[in-house]
Each structure stands twice: as structure tokens, then as C-alpha cells.
Amino acid sequence: MSGVPTAFGRDLAKEWNIGARCYFHKFGRWYHVPLSFPVAYCDPKGYVLFGTEKELNACSKIKIGVHLHVKGGVSALPSYKQMR
């Protein structure tokens, strides 16, 4: 542990008024595969929102297996919204 406090996805969804189920990873690279949409993937400074499974699957920087991996982190995605 780094000793740096981290937020949970549900806390950021409320704070940033995202309106979707949110998943959080402090480095923005590893997440659970979503069970429903819309879904947002957050890091400490912002998030990316996917309205449908088709949008998520169309993102070339995302690889879905047992878990979801974002190459370069969510902040590298074009639709990333910086909040802090």
C-alpha cells in the first residue's frame, strides 16, 4: 500500500455526478468487466464513460478477458474527462 487514500467508484460517481456505475483503479489500468451499461472507468483525476457494450468493445486500447485492461490507462483514451 502506498499510504495514499483512494476513492471507490461509487463515491466518485456521486462526487462527479456521473450517472453510471463506476469502477475505480488508482492507476487507471485494471478493472472488472461490466455487467451492465452505462459504465464509467475512473482514476484519481477523471473518468471515461461507455454508454453501451458496443462502444466499449470498439475501443482499441481496451482488452477484455477475465478482467478489463486499459493500455496506457483511462487518461490516455480520447473520451477521458479530467475532473481534478
PDB file of N, CA and C in Angstrom:
ATOM      1  N   MET A   1       0.828  -1.192   0.000  1.00  0.00           N
ATOM      2  CA  MET A   1       0.000   0.000   0.000  1.00  0.00           C
ATOM      3  C   MET A   1       0.863   1.243   0.000  1.00  0.00           C
ATOM      4  N   SER A   2       0.402   2.232  -0.696  1.00  0.00           N
ATOM      5  CA  SER A   2       1.175   3.458  -0.821  1.00  0.00           C
ATOM      6  C   SER A   2       0.918   4.440   0.305  1.00  0.00           C
ATOM      7  N   GLY A   3      -0.145   4.243   1.092  1.00  0.00           N
ATOM      8  CA  GLY A   3      -0.487   5.192   2.137  1.00  0.00           C
ATOM      9  C   GLY A   3      -1.299   6.372   1.619  1.00  0.00           C
ATOM     10  N   VAL A   4      -1.543   6.406   0.308  1.00  0.00           N
ATOM     11  CA  VAL A   4      -2.336   7.474  -0.291  1.00  0.00           C
ATOM     12  C   VAL A   4      -3.788   7.015  -0.327  1.00  0.00           C
ATOM     13  N   PRO A   5      -4.714   7.801   0.257  1.00  0.00           N
ATOM     14  CA  PRO A   5      -6.104   7.366   0.238  1.00  0.00           C
ATOM     15  C   PRO A   5      -6.667   7.327  -1.178  1.00  0.00           C
ATOM     16  N   THR A   6      -7.512   6.335  -1.440  1.00  0.00           N
ATOM     17  CA  THR A   6      -8.137   6.217  -2.747  1.00  0.00           C
ATOM     18  C   THR A   6      -9.647   6.213  -2.574  1.00  0.00           C
ATOM     19  N   ALA A   7     -10.366   6.642  -3.558  1.00  0.00           N
ATOM     20  CA  ALA A   7     -11.824   6.659  -3.531  1.00  0.00           C
ATOM     21  C   ALA A   7     -12.356   5.417  -4.210  1.00  0.00           C
ATOM     22  N   PHE A   8     -13.565   5.091  -3.888  1.00  0.00           N
ATOM     23  CA  PHE A   8     -14.239   3.993  -4.562  1.00  0.00           C
ATOM     24  C   PHE A   8     -15.067   4.565  -5.694  1.00  0.00           C
ATOM     25  N   GLY A   9     -15.364   3.734  -6.672  1.00  0.00           N
ATOM     26  CA  GLY A   9     -16.123   4.185  -7.829  1.00  0.00           C
ATOM     27  C   GLY A   9     -17.447   4.828  -7.465  1.00  0.00           C
ATOM     28  N   ARG A  10     -18.161   4.243  -6.502  1.00  0.00           N
ATOM     29  CA  ARG A  10     -19.467   4.805  -6.136  1.00  0.00           C
ATOM     30  C   ARG A  10     -19.328   6.204  -5.538  1.00  0.00           C
ATOM     31  N   ASP A  11     -18.239   6.459  -4.827  1.00  0.00           N
ATOM     32  CA  ASP A  11     -18.004   7.788  -4.263  1.00  0.00           C
ATOM     33  C   ASP A  11     -17.743   8.807  -5.368  1.00  0.00           C
ATOM     34  N   LEU A  12     -16.963   8.423  -6.354  1.00  0.00           N
ATOM     35  CA  LEU A  12     -16.669   9.334  -7.460  1.00  0.00           C
ATOM     36  C   LEU A  12     -17.902   9.560  -8.334  1.00  0.00           C
ATOM     37  N   ALA A  13     -18.714   8.535  -8.505  1.00  0.00           N
ATOM     38  CA  ALA A  13     -19.950   8.690  -9.281  1.00  0.00           C
ATOM     39  C   ALA A  13     -20.818   9.774  -8.670  1.00  0.00           C
ATOM     40  N   LYS A  14     -20.899   9.778  -7.358  1.00  0.00           N
ATOM     41  CA  LYS A  14     -21.695  10.786  -6.653  1.00  0.00           C
ATOM     42  C   LYS A  14     -21.019  12.158  -6.700  1.00  0.00           C
ATOM     43  N   GLU A  15     -19.736  12.203  -6.385  1.00  0.00           N
ATOM     44  CA  GLU A  15     -18.999  13.474  -6.350  1.00  0.00           C
ATOM     45  C   GLU A  15     -18.967  14.152  -7.715  1.00  0.00           C
ATOM     46  N   TRP A  16     -18.757  13.373  -8.770  1.00  0.00           N
ATOM     47  CA  TRP A  16     -18.625  13.929 -10.117  1.00  0.00           C
ATOM     48  C   TRP A  16     -19.934  13.887 -10.901  1.00  0.00           C
ATOM     49  N   ASN A  17     -21.001  13.420 -10.265  1.00  0.00           N
ATOM     50  CA  ASN A  17     -22.325  13.358 -10.892  1.00  0.00           C
ATOM     51  C   ASN A  17     -22.279  12.634 -12.246  1.00  0.00           C
ATOM     52  N   ILE A  18     -21.714  11.441 -12.247  1.00  0.00           N
ATOM     53  CA  ILE A  18     -21.506  10.693 -13.489  1.00  0.00           C
ATOM     54  C   ILE A  18     -22.788  10.041 -13.993  1.00  0.00           C
ATOM     55  N   GLY A  19     -23.612   9.495 -13.138  1.00  0.00           N
ATOM     56  CA  GLY A  19     -24.853   8.876 -13.581  1.00  0.00           C
ATOM     57  C   GLY A  19     -24.678   7.513 -14.217  1.00  0.00           C
ATOM     58  N   ALA A  20     -23.659   6.780 -13.785  1.00  0.00           N
ATOM     59  CA  ALA A  20     -23.405   5.435 -14.295  1.00  0.00           C
ATOM     60  C   ALA A  20     -22.695   4.640 -13.206  1.00  0.00           C
ATOM     61  N   ARG A  21     -22.701   3.333 -13.345  1.00  0.00           N
ATOM     62  CA  ARG A  21     -21.911   2.505 -12.438  1.00  0.00           C
ATOM     63  C   ARG A  21     -20.449   2.802 -12.694  1.00  0.00           C
ATOM     64  N   CYS A  22     -19.695   3.053 -11.637  1.00  0.00           N
ATOM     65  CA  CYS A  22     -18.285   3.443 -11.786  1.00  0.00           C
ATOM     66  C   CYS A  22     -17.361   2.426 -11.143  1.00  0.00           C
ATOM     67  N   TYR A  23     -16.279   2.177 -11.840  1.00  0.00           N
ATOM     68  CA  TYR A  23     -15.214   1.332 -11.327  1.00  0.00           C
ATOM     69  C   TYR A  23     -13.975   2.199 -11.196  1.00  0.00           C
ATOM     70  N   PHE A  24     -13.198   1.959 -10.147  1.00  0.00           N
ATOM     71  CA  PHE A  24     -12.028   2.785  -9.860  1.00  0.00           C
ATOM     72  C   PHE A  24     -10.760   1.939  -9.802  1.00  0.00           C
ATOM     73  N   HIS A  25      -9.679   2.489 -10.352  1.00  0.00           N
ATOM     74  CA  HIS A  25      -8.337   1.925 -10.190  1.00  0.00           C
ATOM     75  C   HIS A  25      -7.375   3.087 -10.086  1.00  0.00           C
ATOM     76  N   LYS A  26      -6.531   3.067  -9.072  1.00  0.00           N
ATOM     77  CA  LYS A  26      -5.679   4.241  -8.832  1.00  0.00           C
ATOM     78  C   LYS A  26      -4.696   4.535  -9.957  1.00  0.00           C
ATOM     79  N   PHE A  27      -4.395   3.560 -10.794  1.00  0.00           N
ATOM     80  CA  PHE A  27      -3.523   3.819 -11.942  1.00  0.00           C
ATOM     81  C   PHE A  27      -4.290   3.843 -13.256  1.00  0.00           C
ATOM     82  N   GLY A  28      -5.587   3.542 -13.211  1.00  0.00           N
ATOM     83  CA  GLY A  28      -6.433   3.609 -14.399  1.00  0.00           C
ATOM     84  C   GLY A  28      -6.207   2.541 -15.434  1.00  0.00           C
ATOM     85  N   ARG A  29      -5.687   1.373 -15.015  1.00  0.00           N
ATOM     86  CA  ARG A  29      -5.337   0.341 -15.996  1.00  0.00           C
ATOM     87  C   ARG A  29      -6.112  -0.966 -15.873  1.00  0.00           C
ATOM     88  N   TRP A  30      -6.617  -1.314 -14.696  1.00  0.00           N
ATOM     89  CA  TRP A  30      -7.199  -2.632 -14.462  1.00  0.00           C
ATOM     90  C   TRP A  30      -8.572  -2.475 -13.825  1.00  0.00           C
ATOM     91  N   TYR A  31      -9.574  -3.131 -14.377  1.00  0.00           N
ATOM     92  CA  TYR A  31     -10.938  -3.005 -13.874  1.00  0.00           C
ATOM     93  C   TYR A  31     -11.679  -4.324 -14.005  1.00  0.00           C
ATOM     94  N   HIS A  32     -12.826  -4.408 -13.329  1.00  0.00           N
ATOM     95  CA  HIS A  32     -13.741  -5.532 -13.518  1.00  0.00           C
ATOM     96  C   HIS A  32     -14.472  -5.330 -14.839  1.00  0.00           C
ATOM     97  N   VAL A  33     -14.854  -6.417 -15.458  1.00  0.00           N
ATOM     98  CA  VAL A  33     -15.654  -6.366 -16.683  1.00  0.00           C
ATOM     99  C   VAL A  33     -17.074  -5.966 -16.269  1.00  0.00           C
ATOM    100  N   PRO A  34     -17.680  -5.003 -16.965  1.00  0.00           N
ATOM    101  CA  PRO A  34     -19.008  -4.540 -16.546  1.00  0.00           C
ATOM    102  C   PRO A  34     -20.104  -5.572 -16.815  1.00  0.00           C
ATOM    103  N   LEU A  35     -21.096  -5.560 -15.940  1.00  0.00           N
ATOM    104  CA  LEU A  35     -22.255  -6.439 -16.109  1.00  0.00           C
ATOM    105  C   LEU A  35     -23.423  -5.693 -16.724  1.00  0.00           C
ATOM    106  N   SER A  36     -23.369  -4.349 -16.668  1.00  0.00           N
ATOM    107  CA  SER A  36     -24.443  -3.535 -17.231  1.00  0.00           C
ATOM    108  C   SER A  36     -23.873  -2.195 -17.699  1.00  0.00           C
ATOM    109  N   PHE A  37     -24.676  -1.479 -18.448  1.00  0.00           N
ATOM    110  CA  PHE A  37     -24.266  -0.183 -19.008  1.00  0.00           C
ATOM    111  C   PHE A  37     -25.333   0.846 -18.705  1.00  0.00           C
ATOM    112  N   PRO A  38     -24.986   2.110 -18.644  1.00  0.00           N
ATOM    113  CA  PRO A  38     -23.680   2.712 -18.886  1.00  0.00           C
ATOM    114  C   PRO A  38     -22.706   2.403 -17.757  1.00  0.00           C
ATOM    115  N   VAL A  39     -21.418   2.517 -18.072  1.00  0.00           N
ATOM    116  CA  VAL A  39     -20.357   2.249 -17.109  1.00  0.00           C
ATOM    117  C   VAL A  39     -19.267   3.301 -17.272  1.00  0.00           C
ATOM    118  N   ALA A  40     -18.654   3.664 -16.161  1.00  0.00           N
ATOM    119  CA  ALA A  40     -17.539   4.612 -16.185  1.00  0.00           C
ATOM    120  C   ALA A  40     -16.337   3.960 -15.524  1.00  0.00           C
ATOM    121  N   TYR A  41     -15.168   4.215 -16.093  1.00  0.00           N
ATOM    122  CA  TYR A  41     -13.913   3.754 -15.509  1.00  0.00           C
ATOM    123  C   TYR A  41     -13.148   4.980 -15.045  1.00  0.00           C
ATOM    124  N   CYS A  42     -12.835   5.006 -13.741  1.00  0.00           N
ATOM    125  CA  CYS A  42     -12.249   6.185 -13.114  1.00  0.00           C
ATOM    126  C   CYS A  42     -10.821   5.930 -12.659  1.00  0.00           C
ATOM    127  N   ASP A  43     -10.040   6.998 -12.672  1.00  0.00           N
ATOM    128  CA  ASP A  43      -8.764   7.048 -11.989  1.00  0.00           C
ATOM    129  C   ASP A  43      -8.870   8.249 -11.035  1.00  0.00           C
ATOM    130  N   PRO A  44      -7.844   8.584 -10.282  1.00  0.00           N
ATOM    131  CA  PRO A  44      -7.985   9.673  -9.312  1.00  0.00           C
ATOM    132  C   PRO A  44      -8.288  11.050  -9.913  1.00  0.00           C
ATOM    133  N   LYS A  45      -8.053  11.241 -11.202  1.00  0.00           N
ATOM    134  CA  LYS A  45      -8.218  12.577 -11.790  1.00  0.00           C
ATOM    135  C   LYS A  45      -9.349  12.708 -12.792  1.00  0.00           C
ATOM    136  N   GLY A  46     -10.009  11.614 -13.143  1.00  0.00           N
ATOM    137  CA  GLY A  46     -11.073  11.711 -14.121  1.00  0.00           C
ATOM    138  C   GLY A  46     -11.649  10.358 -14.480  1.00  0.00           C
ATOM    139  N   TYR A  47     -12.388  10.335 -15.582  1.00  0.00           N
ATOM    140  CA  TYR A  47     -13.064   9.102 -15.967  1.00  0.00           C
ATOM    141  C   TYR A  47     -13.359   9.082 -17.460  1.00  0.00           C
ATOM    142  N   VAL A  48     -13.723   7.884 -17.920  1.00  0.00           N
ATOM    143  CA  VAL A  48     -14.211   7.686 -19.279  1.00  0.00           C
ATOM    144  C   VAL A  48     -15.529   6.922 -19.166  1.00  0.00           C
ATOM    145  N   LEU A  49     -16.507   7.327 -19.958  1.00  0.00           N
ATOM    146  CA  LEU A  49     -17.851   6.769 -19.879  1.00  0.00           C
ATOM    147  C   LEU A  49     -18.175   5.988 -21.153  1.00  0.00           C
ATOM    148  N   PHE A  50     -18.746   4.809 -20.981  1.00  0.00           N
ATOM    149  CA  PHE A  50     -19.207   3.997 -22.103  1.00  0.00           C
ATOM    150  C   PHE A  50     -20.694   3.758 -21.928  1.00  0.00           C
ATOM    151  N   GLY A  51     -21.491   4.162 -22.895  1.00  0.00           N
ATOM    152  CA  GLY A  51     -22.933   4.022 -22.820  1.00  0.00           C
ATOM    153  C   GLY A  51     -23.433   2.642 -23.160  1.00  0.00           C
ATOM    154  N   THR A  52     -22.665   1.939 -24.005  1.00  0.00           N
ATOM    155  CA  THR A  52     -23.093   0.610 -24.455  1.00  0.00           C
ATOM    156  C   THR A  52     -21.896  -0.343 -24.520  1.00  0.00           C
ATOM    157  N   GLU A  53     -22.214  -1.616 -24.578  1.00  0.00           N
ATOM    158  CA  GLU A  53     -21.176  -2.637 -24.729  1.00  0.00           C
ATOM    159  C   GLU A  53     -20.471  -2.474 -26.075  1.00  0.00           C
ATOM    160  N   LYS A  54     -21.211  -2.066 -27.092  1.00  0.00           N
ATOM    161  CA  LYS A  54     -20.632  -1.859 -28.422  1.00  0.00           C
ATOM    162  C   LYS A  54     -19.560  -0.761 -28.379  1.00  0.00           C
ATOM    163  N   GLU A  55     -19.814   0.331 -27.664  1.00  0.00           N
ATOM    164  CA  GLU A  55     -18.820   1.410 -27.520  1.00  0.00           C
ATOM    165  C   GLU A  55     -17.564   0.893 -26.825  1.00  0.00           C
ATOM    166  N   LEU A  56     -17.749   0.119 -25.780  1.00  0.00           N
ATOM    167  CA  LEU A  56     -16.608  -0.423 -25.030  1.00  0.00           C
ATOM    168  C   LEU A  56     -15.779  -1.344 -25.909  1.00  0.00           C
ATOM    169  N   ASN A  57     -16.439  -2.238 -26.616  1.00  0.00           N
ATOM    170  CA  ASN A  57     -15.727  -3.201 -27.470  1.00  0.00           C
ATOM    171  C   ASN A  57     -15.023  -2.532 -28.642  1.00  0.00           C
ATOM    172  N   ALA A  58     -15.489  -1.353 -29.058  1.00  0.00           N
ATOM    173  CA  ALA A  58     -14.876  -0.642 -30.183  1.00  0.00           C
ATOM    174  C   ALA A  58     -13.586   0.079 -29.796  1.00  0.00           C
ATOM    175  N   CYS A  59     -13.309   0.193 -28.516  1.00  0.00           N
ATOM    176  CA  CYS A  59     -12.109   0.904 -28.062  1.00  0.00           C
ATOM    177  C   CYS A  59     -10.882  -0.001 -28.197  1.00  0.00           C
ATOM    178  N   SER A  60      -9.977   0.367 -29.084  1.00  0.00           N
ATOM    179  CA  SER A  60      -8.816  -0.483 -29.386  1.00  0.00           C
ATOM    180  C   SER A  60      -7.809  -0.577 -28.243  1.00  0.00           C
ATOM    181  N   LYS A  61      -7.819   0.353 -27.299  1.00  0.00           N
ATOM    182  CA  LYS A  61      -6.868   0.324 -26.181  1.00  0.00           C
ATOM    183  C   LYS A  61      -7.366  -0.518 -25.015  1.00  0.00           C
ATOM    184  N   ILE A  62      -8.569  -1.066 -25.143  1.00  0.00           N
ATOM    185  CA  ILE A  62      -9.136  -1.883 -24.077  1.00  0.00           C
ATOM    186  C   ILE A  62      -9.135  -3.346 -24.500  1.00  0.00           C
ATOM    187  N   LYS A  63      -8.604  -4.183 -23.616  1.00  0.00           N
ATOM    188  CA  LYS A  63      -8.584  -5.628 -23.831  1.00  0.00           C
ATOM    189  C   LYS A  63      -9.423  -6.263 -22.730  1.00  0.00           C
ATOM    190  N   ILE A  64     -10.396  -7.074 -23.141  1.00  0.00           N
ATOM    191  CA  ILE A  64     -11.289  -7.708 -22.182  1.00  0.00           C
ATOM    192  C   ILE A  64     -11.010  -9.197 -22.133  1.00  0.00           C
ATOM    193  N   GLY A  65     -10.739  -9.670 -20.942  1.00  0.00           N
ATOM    194  CA  GLY A  65     -10.541 -11.086 -20.672  1.00  0.00           C
ATOM    195  C   GLY A  65     -11.258 -11.376 -19.367  1.00  0.00           C
ATOM    196  N   VAL A  66     -10.565 -12.021 -18.438  1.00  0.00           N
ATOM    197  CA  VAL A  66     -11.132 -12.224 -17.111  1.00  0.00           C
ATOM    198  C   VAL A  66     -11.358 -10.863 -16.457  1.00  0.00           C
ATOM    199  N   HIS A  67     -10.433  -9.943 -16.700  1.00  0.00           N
ATOM    200  CA  HIS A  67     -10.539  -8.563 -16.245  1.00  0.00           C
ATOM    201  C   HIS A  67     -10.406  -7.654 -17.453  1.00  0.00           C
ATOM    202  N   LEU A  68     -10.634  -6.393 -17.244  1.00  0.00           N
ATOM    203  CA  LEU A  68     -10.531  -5.407 -18.319  1.00  0.00           C
ATOM    204  C   LEU A  68      -9.235  -4.622 -18.123  1.00  0.00           C
ATOM    205  N   HIS A  69      -8.405  -4.543 -19.146  1.00  0.00           N
ATOM    206  CA  HIS A  69      -7.136  -3.834 -19.081  1.00  0.00           C
ATOM    207  C   HIS A  69      -7.143  -2.687 -20.076  1.00  0.00           C
ATOM    208  N   VAL A  70      -6.727  -1.506 -19.612  1.00  0.00           N
ATOM    209  CA  VAL A  70      -6.681  -0.327 -20.471  1.00  0.00           C
ATOM    210  C   VAL A  70      -5.215   0.029 -20.719  1.00  0.00           C
ATOM    211  N   LYS A  71      -4.755  -0.173 -21.935  1.00  0.00           N
ATOM    212  CA  LYS A  71      -3.366   0.120 -22.282  1.00  0.00           C
ATOM    213  C   LYS A  71      -3.114   1.619 -22.163  1.00  0.00           C
ATOM    214  N   GLY A  72      -2.178   1.986 -21.311  1.00  0.00           N
ATOM    215  CA  GLY A  72      -1.838   3.390 -21.094  1.00  0.00           C
ATOM    216  C   GLY A  72      -2.719   4.083 -20.069  1.00  0.00           C
ATOM    217  N   GLY A  73      -3.723   3.381 -19.549  1.00  0.00           N
ATOM    218  CA  GLY A  73      -4.617   3.952 -18.557  1.00  0.00           C
ATOM    219  C   GLY A  73      -5.761   4.724 -19.186  1.00  0.00           C
ATOM    220  N   VAL A  74      -6.831   4.921 -18.423  1.00  0.00           N
ATOM    221  CA  VAL A  74      -8.005   5.601 -18.955  1.00  0.00           C
ATOM    222  C   VAL A  74      -7.712   7.033 -19.376  1.00  0.00           C
ATOM    223  N   SER A  75      -6.735   7.662 -18.755  1.00  0.00           N
ATOM    224  CA  SER A  75      -6.415   9.048 -19.123  1.00  0.00           C
ATOM    225  C   SER A  75      -5.866   9.162 -20.537  1.00  0.00           C
ATOM    226  N   ALA A  76      -5.451   8.054 -21.125  1.00  0.00           N
ATOM    227  CA  ALA A  76      -4.937   8.051 -22.500  1.00  0.00           C
ATOM    228  C   ALA A  76      -6.052   7.909 -23.543  1.00  0.00           C
ATOM    229  N   LEU A  77      -7.269   7.661 -23.103  1.00  0.00           N
ATOM    230  CA  LEU A  77      -8.386   7.490 -24.036  1.00  0.00           C
ATOM    231  C   LEU A  77      -8.920   8.849 -24.485  1.00  0.00           C
ATOM    232  N   PRO A  78      -9.319   8.975 -25.755  1.00  0.00           N
ATOM    233  CA  PRO A  78      -9.784  10.268 -26.279  1.00  0.00           C
ATOM    234  C   PRO A  78     -11.007  10.837 -25.558  1.00  0.00           C
ATOM    235  N   SER A  79     -11.865   9.968 -25.030  1.00  0.00           N
ATOM    236  CA  SER A  79     -13.087  10.449 -24.380  1.00  0.00           C
ATOM    237  C   SER A  79     -12.919  10.689 -22.870  1.00  0.00           C
ATOM    238  N   TYR A  80     -11.674  10.664 -22.389  1.00  0.00           N
ATOM    239  CA  TYR A  80     -11.387  10.887 -20.968  1.00  0.00           C
ATOM    240  C   TYR A  80     -11.799  12.286 -20.547  1.00  0.00           C
ATOM    241  N   LYS A  81     -12.503  12.375 -19.430  1.00  0.00           N
ATOM    242  CA  LYS A  81     -12.919  13.659 -18.889  1.00  0.00           C
ATOM    243  C   LYS A  81     -12.153  13.935 -17.606  1.00  0.00           C
ATOM    244  N   GLN A  82     -11.299  14.945 -17.630  1.00  0.00           N
ATOM    245  CA  GLN A  82     -10.494  15.282 -16.463  1.00  0.00           C
ATOM    246  C   GLN A  82     -11.340  16.061 -15.463  1.00  0.00           C
ATOM    247  N   MET A  83     -11.288  15.640 -14.184  1.00  0.00           N
ATOM    248  CA  MET A  83     -12.095  16.259 -13.143  1.00  0.00           C
ATOM    249  C   MET A  83     -11.267  16.988 -12.092  1.00  0.00           C
ATOM    250  N   ARG A  84     -10.017  16.650 -11.951  1.00  0.00           N
ATOM    251  CA  ARG A  84      -9.159  17.282 -10.924  1.00  0.00           C
ATOM    252  C   ARG A  84      -7.885  17.773 -11.554  1.00  0.00           C
TER     253      ARG A  84
END
